[in-house]
Amino acid sequence: VPVLLFVAAPYIRRYVAGGRCKSTAKLEGKVVIITGANTGIGKETARDLARRGKVIIACRDIAKAEAAASEIRDETGNQQVIVKKLDLADTKSIREFAEKFLGEEKELHILINNAGVMLCPYSKTADGFEMHLGVNHLGHFLLTFLLLERLKQSAPARIVNVSSLAHHGGRIRFHDLQGEKSYNRGLAYCHSKLANVLFTRELARRLQGKLLSFGIGTKVTANALHPGSVHSELVRHSFVMTWLWKIFSFFLKTPWEGAQTSVYCAVAEELDSVTGQYFSDCQPAYVSPRGRDDETARKLWSVSCELLGIQWD
């Protein structure tokens, strides 16, 4: 058995690694925002895109973000890797980030909503939202809303939402959206990842709707993705998952491998006009029936706007 495992190891690793982004597209003169890019998948996404163009790392922990940015600048030789403060658990911080960005940058071509929390004990954001819903969905929903006009002005542009295979286990519980009646941190994560898929679907539909009604498009696409099971800090809130992640690390993607689909959705030329889709391993992937429910997607959009106090038509 040990001999067989030794022989099979390279093939197992190749299978686990999954698809790779083969695009060599450059992003000269283009601007990219990546949330949560100080570690894991986000950091590797930033490292790749910094070899192509200007990258803004939007993070809550400025010290960690500056360390990551410095490392990426040294490695890529690109000094246009900039750190900006963004706390997705606080709508005030999100609005301040957007206001500063819009005041300093005239263009935005790629927005990668990458940051996320997983398996948090029950807690709330600064605005009273359940943490998974607030950070993973509502925070990115508001950020996208605030930056969308700049994306349209800079078109062609792309919005990339990092979801997860876990969306298959999620459901949108409108009767208990904040998990106050019943809470399970694993399911709360699944629910928020389903929200990412539904948000992507409805956003793409609305952007396409404007395209059809006027005969021209906003030329802003929105796609979601599953990065794979990645050895990262995302499981830090669970001792058991952290322990299991270490034991089975051989069967998990590295952060670099996990970043490949994010990079693919951001730069691949063949996706120029593709929108409203869900990818895994750099190719289209199956979406759960709940993730294809347009009625739920529209209702979630409306409820999200109400919770955030915004009008997004």
Foldseek 3Di string as FASTA:
>chain_A
DVVVCVVCLVVLLVVLLFAFAPDPAAQDPAEEEFEPCLWFLNLLLLLVNLLRYAYEYEYQDQVSQVVSQVVSCVVNVRPRYHYDYADLLDVVRLVVRLVVCVVPDQAHAEYEHPDAAALADFDHGPLRATRRQRRLPLSVVSNCLSCVVRNLVRPLHEYEREAAPLLLLEACDVVQNRCPVHDDRRRSNNNSSLLSLLLQQVVQVVQVVVCVVVVHGSNYAYEYEHLFFELICNCVNDPVVPVVCVVVVSSHHYSNSSNRLVNLRGGPPVCSPPHSFYYYSSHGDDDHPNSVDNVVSVVSSVVSCVSVVHDDD
